[in-house]
C-alpha atoms as a PDB file:
ATOM      1  CA  UNK A   1      -6.528  -7.217 -20.227  1.00  0.00           C
ATOM      2  CA  UNK A   2      -7.908  -3.711 -19.607  1.00  0.00           C
ATOM      3  CA  UNK A   3      -9.875  -2.145 -22.432  1.00  0.00           C
ATOM      4  CA  UNK A   4      -8.949   1.542 -22.568  1.00  0.00           C
ATOM      5  CA  UNK A   5     -10.009   2.153 -26.185  1.00  0.00           C
ATOM      6  CA  UNK A   6     -13.357   3.864 -25.630  1.00  0.00           C
ATOM      7  CA  UNK A   7     -12.064   6.035 -22.819  1.00  0.00           C
ATOM      8  CA  UNK A   8      -9.021   7.110 -24.819  1.00  0.00           C
ATOM      9  CA  UNK A   9     -11.191   8.123 -27.764  1.00  0.00           C
ATOM     10  CA  UNK A  10     -13.176  10.460 -25.551  1.00  0.00           C
ATOM     11  CA  UNK A  11     -10.042  11.782 -23.860  1.00  0.00           C
ATOM     12  CA  UNK A  12      -8.509  12.620 -27.224  1.00  0.00           C
ATOM     13  CA  UNK A  13     -11.583  14.618 -28.197  1.00  0.00           C
ATOM     14  CA  UNK A  14     -11.560  16.519 -24.936  1.00  0.00           C
ATOM     15  CA  UNK A  15      -7.877  17.350 -25.257  1.00  0.00           C
ATOM     16  CA  UNK A  16      -8.714  19.312 -28.383  1.00  0.00           C
ATOM     17  CA  UNK A  17     -11.161  21.535 -26.481  1.00  0.00           C
ATOM     18  CA  UNK A  18     -10.367  24.615 -24.424  1.00  0.00           C
ATOM     19  CA  UNK A  19      -9.437  23.590 -20.881  1.00  0.00           C
ATOM     20  CA  UNK A  20      -9.428  20.087 -19.434  1.00  0.00           C
ATOM     21  CA  UNK A  21     -12.661  18.881 -17.803  1.00  0.00           C
ATOM     22  CA  UNK A  22     -10.739  15.975 -16.246  1.00  0.00           C
ATOM     23  CA  UNK A  23      -8.393  18.280 -14.331  1.00  0.00           C
ATOM     24  CA  UNK A  24      -8.736  18.179 -10.542  1.00  0.00           C
ATOM     25  CA  UNK A  25      -9.439  21.643  -9.155  1.00  0.00           C
ATOM     26  CA  UNK A  26      -9.016  20.858  -5.458  1.00  0.00           C
ATOM     27  CA  UNK A  27      -8.648  17.910  -3.115  1.00  0.00           C
ATOM     28  CA  UNK A  28     -11.849  15.987  -2.446  1.00  0.00           C
ATOM     29  CA  UNK A  29     -12.673  15.461   1.241  1.00  0.00           C
ATOM     30  CA  UNK A  30     -13.048  11.865   2.368  1.00  0.00           C
ATOM     31  CA  UNK A  31     -16.454  10.602   3.536  1.00  0.00           C
ATOM     32  CA  UNK A  32     -17.132  10.038   7.250  1.00  0.00           C
ATOM     33  CA  UNK A  33     -15.684   6.951   8.881  1.00  0.00           C
ATOM     34  CA  UNK A  34     -12.309   5.818  10.186  1.00  0.00           C
ATOM     35  CA  UNK A  35     -10.404   8.568  11.964  1.00  0.00           C
ATOM     36  CA  UNK A  36      -6.611   8.841  11.718  1.00  0.00           C
ATOM     37  CA  UNK A  37      -6.295   5.969   9.220  1.00  0.00           C
ATOM     38  CA  UNK A  38      -2.915   4.465   8.354  1.00  0.00           C
ATOM     39  CA  UNK A  39      -1.724   2.052   5.691  1.00  0.00           C
ATOM     40  CA  UNK A  40      -1.801  -0.767   8.252  1.00  0.00           C
ATOM     41  CA  UNK A  41      -5.309  -0.117   9.598  1.00  0.00           C
ATOM     42  CA  UNK A  42      -8.764  -1.283   8.492  1.00  0.00           C
ATOM     43  CA  UNK A  43     -10.786   1.538   6.934  1.00  0.00           C
ATOM     44  CA  UNK A  44     -14.534   2.061   6.628  1.00  0.00           C
ATOM     45  CA  UNK A  45     -16.280   4.986   4.927  1.00  0.00           C
ATOM     46  CA  UNK A  46     -19.998   5.804   4.800  1.00  0.00           C
ATOM     47  CA  UNK A  47     -22.222   8.297   3.042  1.00  0.00           C
ATOM     48  CA  UNK A  48     -22.435  11.643   4.801  1.00  0.00           C
ATOM     49  CA  UNK A  49     -25.766  12.368   6.502  1.00  0.00           C
ATOM     50  CA  UNK A  50     -27.623  15.374   5.104  1.00  0.00           C
ATOM     51  CA  UNK A  51     -31.096  16.917   4.972  1.00  0.00           C
ATOM     52  CA  UNK A  52     -31.953  15.227   1.664  1.00  0.00           C
ATOM     53  CA  UNK A  53     -31.940  11.719   3.171  1.00  0.00           C
ATOM     54  CA  UNK A  54     -28.398  10.653   2.348  1.00  0.00           C
ATOM     55  CA  UNK A  55     -26.489   8.607   4.901  1.00  0.00           C
ATOM     56  CA  UNK A  56     -29.489   7.509   6.978  1.00  0.00           C
ATOM     57  CA  UNK A  57     -28.897   3.788   6.370  1.00  0.00           C
ATOM     58  CA  UNK A  58     -26.909   2.364   9.286  1.00  0.00           C
ATOM     59  CA  UNK A  59     -25.909  -0.991  10.705  1.00  0.00           C
ATOM     60  CA  UNK A  60     -25.606  -2.628   7.292  1.00  0.00           C
ATOM     61  CA  UNK A  61     -24.535  -6.259   7.657  1.00  0.00           C
ATOM     62  CA  UNK A  62     -24.723  -9.551   5.764  1.00  0.00           C
ATOM     63  CA  UNK A  63     -25.780 -12.914   7.234  1.00  0.00           C
ATOM     64  CA  UNK A  64     -24.294 -15.715   5.130  1.00  0.00           C
ATOM     65  CA  UNK A  65     -26.320 -18.392   6.936  1.00  0.00           C
ATOM     66  CA  UNK A  66     -29.656 -16.980   5.773  1.00  0.00           C
ATOM     67  CA  UNK A  67     -28.370 -14.971   2.782  1.00  0.00           C
ATOM     68  CA  UNK A  68     -30.049 -11.851   4.142  1.00  0.00           C
ATOM     69  CA  UNK A  69     -28.933  -8.255   4.492  1.00  0.00           C
ATOM     70  CA  UNK A  70     -29.801  -6.086   7.491  1.00  0.00           C
ATOM     71  CA  UNK A  71     -30.289  -2.317   7.294  1.00  0.00           C
ATOM     72  CA  UNK A  72     -31.210   0.004  10.164  1.00  0.00           C
ATOM     73  CA  UNK A  73     -32.397   3.607  10.121  1.00  0.00           C
ATOM     74  CA  UNK A  74     -34.891   3.566   7.231  1.00  0.00           C
ATOM     75  CA  UNK A  75     -38.635   3.807   7.787  1.00  0.00           C
ATOM     76  CA  UNK A  76     -41.116   1.433   6.168  1.00  0.00           C
ATOM     77  CA  UNK A  77     -38.621  -1.189   5.022  1.00  0.00           C
ATOM     78  CA  UNK A  78     -40.251  -4.125   6.795  1.00  0.00           C
ATOM     79  CA  UNK A  79     -38.369  -5.593   9.749  1.00  0.00           C
ATOM     80  CA  UNK A  80     -34.975  -4.270   8.537  1.00  0.00           C
ATOM     81  CA  UNK A  81     -34.044  -7.671   7.068  1.00  0.00           C
ATOM     82  CA  UNK A  82     -33.709  -7.660   3.269  1.00  0.00           C
ATOM     83  CA  UNK A  83     -33.964 -10.890   1.284  1.00  0.00           C
ATOM     84  CA  UNK A  84     -32.603 -11.758  -2.162  1.00  0.00           C
ATOM     85  CA  UNK A  85     -34.429  -9.832  -4.842  1.00  0.00           C
ATOM     86  CA  UNK A  86     -36.788 -12.172  -6.676  1.00  0.00           C
ATOM     87  CA  UNK A  87     -36.558 -10.473 -10.089  1.00  0.00           C
ATOM     88  CA  UNK A  88     -32.860  -9.498 -10.077  1.00  0.00           C
ATOM     89  CA  UNK A  89     -30.997 -11.607  -7.496  1.00  0.00           C
ATOM     90  CA  UNK A  90     -27.565 -10.431  -8.653  1.00  0.00           C
ATOM     91  CA  UNK A  91     -25.776  -7.917 -10.857  1.00  0.00           C
ATOM     92  CA  UNK A  92     -22.653  -9.695 -12.044  1.00  0.00           C
ATOM     93  CA  UNK A  93     -20.812 -10.939  -8.940  1.00  0.00           C
ATOM     94  CA  UNK A  94     -22.741  -8.629  -6.596  1.00  0.00           C
ATOM     95  CA  UNK A  95     -25.897  -9.647  -4.719  1.00  0.00           C
ATOM     96  CA  UNK A  96     -29.166  -7.675  -4.812  1.00  0.00           C
ATOM     97  CA  UNK A  97     -31.600  -7.562  -1.876  1.00  0.00           C
ATOM     98  CA  UNK A  98     -35.047  -6.069  -1.336  1.00  0.00           C
ATOM     99  CA  UNK A  99     -37.056  -5.053   1.698  1.00  0.00           C
ATOM    100  CA  UNK A 100     -40.418  -6.658   2.382  1.00  0.00           C
ATOM    101  CA  UNK A 101     -43.319  -5.086   0.495  1.00  0.00           C
ATOM    102  CA  UNK A 102     -45.779  -5.600   3.377  1.00  0.00           C
ATOM    103  CA  UNK A 103     -45.457  -5.528   7.167  1.00  0.00           C
ATOM    104  CA  UNK A 104     -48.284  -6.821   9.358  1.00  0.00           C
ATOM    105  CA  UNK A 105     -49.398  -4.884  12.427  1.00  0.00           C
ATOM    106  CA  UNK A 106     -48.375  -7.281  15.253  1.00  0.00           C
ATOM    107  CA  UNK A 107     -51.508  -6.443  17.252  1.00  0.00           C
ATOM    108  CA  UNK A 108     -54.221  -6.549  14.597  1.00  0.00           C
ATOM    109  CA  UNK A 109     -52.542  -8.355  11.724  1.00  0.00           C
ATOM    110  CA  UNK A 110     -53.482  -5.490   9.415  1.00  0.00           C
ATOM    111  CA  UNK A 111     -51.069  -5.406   6.433  1.00  0.00           C
ATOM    112  CA  UNK A 112     -49.143  -2.144   6.009  1.00  0.00           C
ATOM    113  CA  UNK A 113     -47.693  -1.380   2.590  1.00  0.00           C
ATOM    114  CA  UNK A 114     -43.954  -0.699   2.728  1.00  0.00           C
ATOM    115  CA  UNK A 115     -41.739   1.590   0.663  1.00  0.00           C
ATOM    116  CA  UNK A 116     -39.542   0.249  -2.121  1.00  0.00           C
ATOM    117  CA  UNK A 117     -35.997  -0.330  -0.851  1.00  0.00           C
ATOM    118  CA  UNK A 118     -33.207  -2.150  -2.705  1.00  0.00           C
ATOM    119  CA  UNK A 119     -29.646  -2.980  -1.673  1.00  0.00           C
ATOM    120  CA  UNK A 120     -26.528  -4.092  -3.545  1.00  0.00           C
ATOM    121  CA  UNK A 121     -23.856  -5.952  -1.588  1.00  0.00           C
ATOM    122  CA  UNK A 122     -20.411  -6.808  -2.901  1.00  0.00           C
ATOM    123  CA  UNK A 123     -17.543  -8.639  -1.226  1.00  0.00           C
ATOM    124  CA  UNK A 124     -14.377 -10.155  -2.670  1.00  0.00           C
ATOM    125  CA  UNK A 125     -13.867 -13.944  -2.303  1.00  0.00           C
ATOM    126  CA  UNK A 126     -11.358 -13.483   0.528  1.00  0.00           C
ATOM    127  CA  UNK A 127     -13.588 -11.083   2.447  1.00  0.00           C
ATOM    128  CA  UNK A 128     -10.877  -8.411   2.443  1.00  0.00           C
ATOM    129  CA  UNK A 129     -12.970  -5.648   0.859  1.00  0.00           C
ATOM    130  CA  UNK A 130     -16.707  -5.008   0.599  1.00  0.00           C
ATOM    131  CA  UNK A 131     -19.331  -2.394  -0.209  1.00  0.00           C
ATOM    132  CA  UNK A 132     -23.081  -1.945   0.153  1.00  0.00           C
ATOM    133  CA  UNK A 133     -25.569   0.558  -1.280  1.00  0.00           C
ATOM    134  CA  UNK A 134     -29.186   1.126  -0.227  1.00  0.00           C
ATOM    135  CA  UNK A 135     -31.638   3.346  -2.127  1.00  0.00           C
ATOM    136  CA  UNK A 136     -35.415   3.773  -2.274  1.00  0.00           C
ATOM    137  CA  UNK A 137     -37.746   4.610  -5.131  1.00  0.00           C
ATOM    138  CA  UNK A 138     -40.662   5.745  -2.981  1.00  0.00           C
ATOM    139  CA  UNK A 139     -39.827   9.408  -2.394  1.00  0.00           C
ATOM    140  CA  UNK A 140     -39.760  12.558  -4.500  1.00  0.00           C
ATOM    141  CA  UNK A 141     -37.108  13.979  -4.509  1.00  0.00           C
ATOM    142  CA  UNK A 142     -34.422  11.448  -3.508  1.00  0.00           C
ATOM    143  CA  UNK A 143     -35.340   9.369  -0.495  1.00  0.00           C
ATOM    144  CA  UNK A 144     -33.465   7.988   2.480  1.00  0.00           C
ATOM    145  CA  UNK A 145     -30.601   5.579   1.952  1.00  0.00           C
ATOM    146  CA  UNK A 146     -26.867   5.239   2.298  1.00  0.00           C
ATOM    147  CA  UNK A 147     -23.700   3.426   1.316  1.00  0.00           C
ATOM    148  CA  UNK A 148     -20.595   1.949   2.885  1.00  0.00           C
ATOM    149  CA  UNK A 149     -17.270   0.531   1.707  1.00  0.00           C
ATOM    150  CA  UNK A 150     -14.399  -0.940   3.696  1.00  0.00           C
ATOM    151  CA  UNK A 151     -11.209  -2.940   3.825  1.00  0.00           C
ATOM    152  CA  UNK A 152     -10.722  -5.358   6.706  1.00  0.00           C
ATOM    153  CA  UNK A 153      -6.933  -5.038   6.958  1.00  0.00           C
ATOM    154  CA  UNK A 154      -4.107  -2.854   5.749  1.00  0.00           C
ATOM    155  CA  UNK A 155      -2.359  -2.209   2.453  1.00  0.00           C
ATOM    156  CA  UNK A 156       1.197  -2.499   1.197  1.00  0.00           C
ATOM    157  CA  UNK A 157       1.655   0.591  -0.967  1.00  0.00           C
ATOM    158  CA  UNK A 158       4.268   0.626  -3.753  1.00  0.00           C
ATOM    159  CA  UNK A 159       6.429   3.739  -4.054  1.00  0.00           C
ATOM    160  CA  UNK A 160       7.439   3.282  -7.691  1.00  0.00           C
ATOM    161  CA  UNK A 161       5.925   2.004 -10.905  1.00  0.00           C
ATOM    162  CA  UNK A 162       2.312   1.822 -12.010  1.00  0.00           C
ATOM    163  CA  UNK A 163      -0.544  -0.623 -11.485  1.00  0.00           C
ATOM    164  CA  UNK A 164      -3.669  -1.596 -13.426  1.00  0.00           C
ATOM    165  CA  UNK A 165      -6.924  -2.799 -11.845  1.00  0.00           C
ATOM    166  CA  UNK A 166      -9.947  -4.380 -13.542  1.00  0.00           C
ATOM    167  CA  UNK A 167     -13.311  -5.537 -12.233  1.00  0.00           C
ATOM    168  CA  UNK A 168     -17.056  -5.092 -12.055  1.00  0.00           C
ATOM    169  CA  UNK A 169     -19.353  -2.168 -11.311  1.00  0.00           C
ATOM    170  CA  UNK A 170     -23.031  -2.236 -10.286  1.00  0.00           C
ATOM    171  CA  UNK A 171     -25.344   0.594  -9.293  1.00  0.00           C
ATOM    172  CA  UNK A 172     -28.763   1.686  -8.111  1.00  0.00           C
ATOM    173  CA  UNK A 173     -30.360   4.621  -9.931  1.00  0.00           C
ATOM    174  CA  UNK A 174     -32.931   6.821  -8.160  1.00  0.00           C
ATOM    175  CA  UNK A 175     -34.585  10.050  -9.240  1.00  0.00           C
ATOM    176  CA  UNK A 176     -35.330  13.641  -8.292  1.00  0.00           C
ATOM    177  CA  UNK A 177     -38.565  14.480 -10.082  1.00  0.00           C
ATOM    178  CA  UNK A 178     -40.141  11.031 -10.242  1.00  0.00           C
ATOM    179  CA  UNK A 179     -40.255   7.805  -8.248  1.00  0.00           C
ATOM    180  CA  UNK A 180     -38.863   4.382  -9.007  1.00  0.00           C
ATOM    181  CA  UNK A 181     -35.494   2.666  -9.170  1.00  0.00           C
ATOM    182  CA  UNK A 182     -33.266   1.233 -11.883  1.00  0.00           C
ATOM    183  CA  UNK A 183     -30.057  -0.794 -11.948  1.00  0.00           C
ATOM    184  CA  UNK A 184     -26.828  -0.204 -13.845  1.00  0.00           C
ATOM    185  CA  UNK A 185     -23.871  -2.463 -14.580  1.00  0.00           C
ATOM    186  CA  UNK A 186     -20.505  -1.991 -16.213  1.00  0.00           C
ATOM    187  CA  UNK A 187     -16.859  -2.919 -16.465  1.00  0.00           C
ATOM    188  CA  UNK A 188     -14.366  -0.733 -14.654  1.00  0.00           C
ATOM    189  CA  UNK A 189     -10.638  -0.188 -14.643  1.00  0.00           C
ATOM    190  CA  UNK A 190      -8.277   2.021 -12.690  1.00  0.00           C
ATOM    191  CA  UNK A 191      -4.589   2.764 -13.262  1.00  0.00           C
ATOM    192  CA  UNK A 192      -2.361   4.294 -10.585  1.00  0.00           C
ATOM    193  CA  UNK A 193       1.036   5.944 -11.039  1.00  0.00           C
ATOM    194  CA  UNK A 194       2.749   5.393  -7.681  1.00  0.00           C
ATOM    195  CA  UNK A 195       5.711   7.638  -8.594  1.00  0.00           C
ATOM    196  CA  UNK A 196       3.847  10.790  -9.679  1.00  0.00           C
ATOM    197  CA  UNK A 197       2.223  13.240  -9.112  1.00  0.00           C
ATOM    198  CA  UNK A 198       4.504  14.443  -6.318  1.00  0.00           C
ATOM    199  CA  UNK A 199       1.396  15.522  -4.385  1.00  0.00           C
ATOM    200  CA  UNK A 200      -0.244  12.109  -4.220  1.00  0.00           C
ATOM    201  CA  UNK A 201      -0.378   9.403  -6.887  1.00  0.00           C
ATOM    202  CA  UNK A 202      -1.863   9.935 -10.325  1.00  0.00           C
ATOM    203  CA  UNK A 203      -5.101   7.992 -10.789  1.00  0.00           C
ATOM    204  CA  UNK A 204      -7.140   7.408 -13.926  1.00  0.00           C
ATOM    205  CA  UNK A 205     -10.276   5.318 -14.161  1.00  0.00           C
ATOM    206  CA  UNK A 206     -13.152   4.456 -16.464  1.00  0.00           C
ATOM    207  CA  UNK A 207     -16.550   2.764 -16.280  1.00  0.00           C
ATOM    208  CA  UNK A 208     -17.586   1.377 -19.667  1.00  0.00           C
ATOM    209  CA  UNK A 209     -19.750  -1.360 -21.240  1.00  0.00           C
ATOM    210  CA  UNK A 210     -22.561   0.188 -19.222  1.00  0.00           C
ATOM    211  CA  UNK A 211     -26.070  -1.294 -19.220  1.00  0.00           C
ATOM    212  CA  UNK A 212     -29.279  -0.135 -17.529  1.00  0.00           C
ATOM    213  CA  UNK A 213     -32.005  -2.476 -16.259  1.00  0.00           C
ATOM    214  CA  UNK A 214     -35.420  -1.880 -14.774  1.00  0.00           C
ATOM    215  CA  UNK A 215     -36.330  -3.552 -11.485  1.00  0.00           C
ATOM    216  CA  UNK A 216     -37.895  -6.481 -13.350  1.00  0.00           C
ATOM    217  CA  UNK A 217     -34.533  -7.201 -14.953  1.00  0.00           C
ATOM    218  CA  UNK A 218     -35.413  -5.917 -18.432  1.00  0.00           C
ATOM    219  CA  UNK A 219     -32.493  -4.322 -20.273  1.00  0.00           C
ATOM    220  CA  UNK A 220     -33.585  -0.768 -21.146  1.00  0.00           C
ATOM    221  CA  UNK A 221     -30.169   0.472 -22.298  1.00  0.00           C
ATOM    222  CA  UNK A 222     -31.253   1.069 -25.889  1.00  0.00           C
ATOM    223  CA  UNK A 223     -34.216   3.149 -24.721  1.00  0.00           C
ATOM    224  CA  UNK A 224     -31.888   5.406 -22.746  1.00  0.00           C
ATOM    225  CA  UNK A 225     -29.421   5.671 -25.654  1.00  0.00           C
ATOM    226  CA  UNK A 226     -32.243   6.608 -28.043  1.00  0.00           C
ATOM    227  CA  UNK A 227     -33.419   9.349 -25.675  1.00  0.00           C
ATOM    228  CA  UNK A 228     -29.854  10.687 -25.350  1.00  0.00           C
ATOM    229  CA  UNK A 229     -29.454  10.759 -29.132  1.00  0.00           C
ATOM    230  CA  UNK A 230     -32.703  12.689 -29.505  1.00  0.00           C
ATOM    231  CA  UNK A 231     -31.859  15.145 -26.727  1.00  0.00           C
ATOM    232  CA  UNK A 232     -28.299  15.857 -27.893  1.00  0.00           C
ATOM    233  CA  UNK A 233     -28.663  15.249 -31.659  1.00  0.00           C
ATOM    234  CA  UNK A 234     -26.173  12.397 -31.438  1.00  0.00           C
ATOM    235  CA  UNK A 235     -25.780   8.944 -32.968  1.00  0.00           C
ATOM    236  CA  UNK A 236     -24.310   6.987 -30.066  1.00  0.00           C
ATOM    237  CA  UNK A 237     -24.643   3.211 -29.941  1.00  0.00           C
ATOM    238  CA  UNK A 238     -23.406   2.828 -26.351  1.00  0.00           C
ATOM    239  CA  UNK A 239     -23.793   4.735 -23.113  1.00  0.00           C
ATOM    240  CA  UNK A 240     -21.057   7.309 -22.418  1.00  0.00           C
ATOM    241  CA  UNK A 241     -17.906   6.218 -20.616  1.00  0.00           C
ATOM    242  CA  UNK A 242     -17.498   7.681 -17.129  1.00  0.00           C
ATOM    243  CA  UNK A 243     -13.951   9.010 -16.628  1.00  0.00           C
ATOM    244  CA  UNK A 244     -12.033  10.002 -13.511  1.00  0.00           C
ATOM    245  CA  UNK A 245     -10.807  13.591 -13.410  1.00  0.00           C
ATOM    246  CA  UNK A 246      -7.008  13.297 -13.338  1.00  0.00           C
ATOM    247  CA  UNK A 247      -4.772  15.488 -11.199  1.00  0.00           C
ATOM    248  CA  UNK A 248      -2.746  15.636  -7.976  1.00  0.00           C
ATOM    249  CA  UNK A 249      -4.141  15.371  -4.477  1.00  0.00           C
ATOM    250  CA  UNK A 250      -6.499  12.411  -4.943  1.00  0.00           C
ATOM    251  CA  UNK A 251      -4.664   9.790  -2.826  1.00  0.00           C
ATOM    252  CA  UNK A 252      -3.500   9.511   0.786  1.00  0.00           C
ATOM    253  CA  UNK A 253      -0.678   7.736   2.596  1.00  0.00           C
ATOM    254  CA  UNK A 254      -3.267   5.302   3.996  1.00  0.00           C
ATOM    255  CA  UNK A 255      -4.184   4.125   0.493  1.00  0.00           C
ATOM    256  CA  UNK A 256      -7.410   6.080   0.057  1.00  0.00           C
ATOM    257  CA  UNK A 257      -8.605   7.676  -3.182  1.00  0.00           C
ATOM    258  CA  UNK A 258     -11.196  10.390  -3.803  1.00  0.00           C
ATOM    259  CA  UNK A 259     -11.864  12.626  -6.771  1.00  0.00           C
ATOM    260  CA  UNK A 260     -14.221  13.731  -9.507  1.00  0.00           C
ATOM    261  CA  UNK A 261     -15.801  11.659 -12.266  1.00  0.00           C
ATOM    262  CA  UNK A 262     -17.861  12.681 -15.290  1.00  0.00           C
ATOM    263  CA  UNK A 263     -19.135  11.621 -18.697  1.00  0.00           C
ATOM    264  CA  UNK A 264     -19.737  13.450 -21.977  1.00  0.00           C
ATOM    265  CA  UNK A 265     -22.031  13.083 -24.972  1.00  0.00           C
ATOM    266  CA  UNK A 266     -20.559  13.674 -28.444  1.00  0.00           C
ATOM    267  CA  UNK A 267     -23.139  15.083 -30.878  1.00  0.00           C
ATOM    268  CA  UNK A 268     -23.222  14.639 -34.653  1.00  0.00           C
ATOM    269  CA  UNK A 269     -21.077  17.761 -35.112  1.00  0.00           C
ATOM    270  CA  UNK A 270     -18.373  16.426 -32.801  1.00  0.00           C
ATOM    271  CA  UNK A 271     -19.249  18.776 -29.937  1.00  0.00           C
ATOM    272  CA  UNK A 272     -18.952  17.608 -26.342  1.00  0.00           C
ATOM    273  CA  UNK A 273     -21.662  18.172 -23.736  1.00  0.00           C
ATOM    274  CA  UNK A 274     -21.229  17.018 -20.167  1.00  0.00           C
ATOM    275  CA  UNK A 275     -23.850  14.469 -19.154  1.00  0.00           C
ATOM    276  CA  UNK A 276     -22.909  13.110 -15.728  1.00  0.00           C
ATOM    277  CA  UNK A 277     -20.875  14.632 -12.934  1.00  0.00           C
ATOM    278  CA  UNK A 278     -20.012  13.379  -9.477  1.00  0.00           C
ATOM    279  CA  UNK A 279     -17.396  11.830  -7.221  1.00  0.00           C
ATOM    280  CA  UNK A 280     -15.624   8.558  -6.580  1.00  0.00           C
ATOM    281  CA  UNK A 281     -14.305   7.268  -3.254  1.00  0.00           C
ATOM    282  CA  UNK A 282     -12.121   4.183  -2.842  1.00  0.00           C
ATOM    283  CA  UNK A 283      -9.503   2.420  -0.747  1.00  0.00           C
ATOM    284  CA  UNK A 284      -6.639   0.103  -1.712  1.00  0.00           C
ATOM    285  CA  UNK A 285      -6.081  -3.156   0.143  1.00  0.00           C
ATOM    286  CA  UNK A 286      -3.702  -6.068   0.565  1.00  0.00           C
ATOM    287  CA  UNK A 287      -0.144  -7.012  -0.400  1.00  0.00           C
ATOM    288  CA  UNK A 288       1.208  -4.956  -3.312  1.00  0.00           C
ATOM    289  CA  UNK A 289      -2.014  -2.927  -3.177  1.00  0.00           C
ATOM    290  CA  UNK A 290      -3.695  -5.830  -4.949  1.00  0.00           C
ATOM    291  CA  UNK A 291      -7.343  -4.773  -4.583  1.00  0.00           C
ATOM    292  CA  UNK A 292      -9.453  -1.632  -4.609  1.00  0.00           C
ATOM    293  CA  UNK A 293     -13.041  -1.135  -3.450  1.00  0.00           C
ATOM    294  CA  UNK A 294     -15.173   1.956  -3.606  1.00  0.00           C
ATOM    295  CA  UNK A 295     -18.312   3.860  -4.481  1.00  0.00           C
ATOM    296  CA  UNK A 296     -19.246   6.270  -7.288  1.00  0.00           C
ATOM    297  CA  UNK A 297     -22.079   8.812  -7.128  1.00  0.00           C
ATOM    298  CA  UNK A 298     -23.018  10.788 -10.269  1.00  0.00           C
ATOM    299  CA  UNK A 299     -26.027  12.848 -11.323  1.00  0.00           C
ATOM    300  CA  UNK A 300     -27.386  13.844 -14.727  1.00  0.00           C
ATOM    301  CA  UNK A 301     -30.519  15.078 -16.439  1.00  0.00           C
ATOM    302  CA  UNK A 302     -32.596  12.104 -17.551  1.00  0.00           C
ATOM    303  CA  UNK A 303     -33.466  12.607 -21.248  1.00  0.00           C
ATOM    304  CA  UNK A 304     -36.553  10.390 -20.906  1.00  0.00           C
ATOM    305  CA  UNK A 305     -38.269  12.418 -18.184  1.00  0.00           C
ATOM    306  CA  UNK A 306     -38.363  15.829 -16.555  1.00  0.00           C
ATOM    307  CA  UNK A 307     -36.148  14.510 -13.769  1.00  0.00           C
ATOM    308  CA  UNK A 308     -32.594  14.147 -12.505  1.00  0.00           C
ATOM    309  CA  UNK A 309     -31.160  10.659 -12.180  1.00  0.00           C
ATOM    310  CA  UNK A 310     -28.601   9.763  -9.531  1.00  0.00           C
ATOM    311  CA  UNK A 311     -26.484   6.666 -10.074  1.00  0.00           C
ATOM    312  CA  UNK A 312     -24.803   5.216  -6.975  1.00  0.00           C
ATOM    313  CA  UNK A 313     -22.468   2.368  -7.852  1.00  0.00           C
ATOM    314  CA  UNK A 314     -20.010   0.113  -6.098  1.00  0.00           C
ATOM    315  CA  UNK A 315     -16.958  -1.650  -7.483  1.00  0.00           C
ATOM    316  CA  UNK A 316     -14.332  -4.207  -6.543  1.00  0.00           C
ATOM    317  CA  UNK A 317     -11.243  -4.374  -8.763  1.00  0.00           C
ATOM    318  CA  UNK A 318      -8.141  -6.560  -8.665  1.00  0.00           C
ATOM    319  CA  UNK A 319      -4.646  -5.801  -9.882  1.00  0.00           C
ATOM    320  CA  UNK A 320      -3.850  -7.434 -13.221  1.00  0.00           C
END
């Protein structure tokens, strides 16, 4: 069963403040990908290409025979074929891959050190929905990478009632201000009101039970929580819940979702300070809109360093 308790506690606190930080101010544009999508068509979305290195990863594909993941478009990531990460082979049900650390000059045999690149790949057991995320920890600021999510068929969208979805979330964390990568995991749920708003369906969602790992697989969640408590004079024992911003205009007739997402720290005086802010993108799939897949991108100041941390996560949820 979905666990809404932590999210509701934060929502109740926010409702007592002036304004509503979860309110949607305007419709979020969809990422690049499928043009003229319909409810009956497959849909694929990718990260938009920009000058900061986003969206450069292309041709992402999985080979089940060799359990390898191919990525094109990124320099110094070996021969473009990523193998299972040796330290962290998976994050929950999602697989983790890494590029080769050395590439040999084919003429001289001279070893060339490669940049750190990691990938997370998720696919549901039926192969109906999938996502992939690629990030690097070898640039300052953010380096080159990208993400993709897709459904392979259409969706049967309800017109009445509400639906609840639950599943797993996993992310790569990179930095502006320092190098390196981290992982994040969590539990996620989404609820959709198919009857209202009149301008698109109402959507709420939360990511909770969040943990942070270093690339060796060590759980560093408590270190991050301690730094947050020091920075914000708080006494938290868990990482903040990420909440969807709720309002009209976040869904389409093709079954796509896009909107804002944020998290807040509550200090010892009960005051709220926004920590993370970003966007979510997703698409529904299957009979009775039984699955949802998507990507979340949020940024925040890292209380441990003089740096900004970007968390790029993927999720696959099923209707329960």
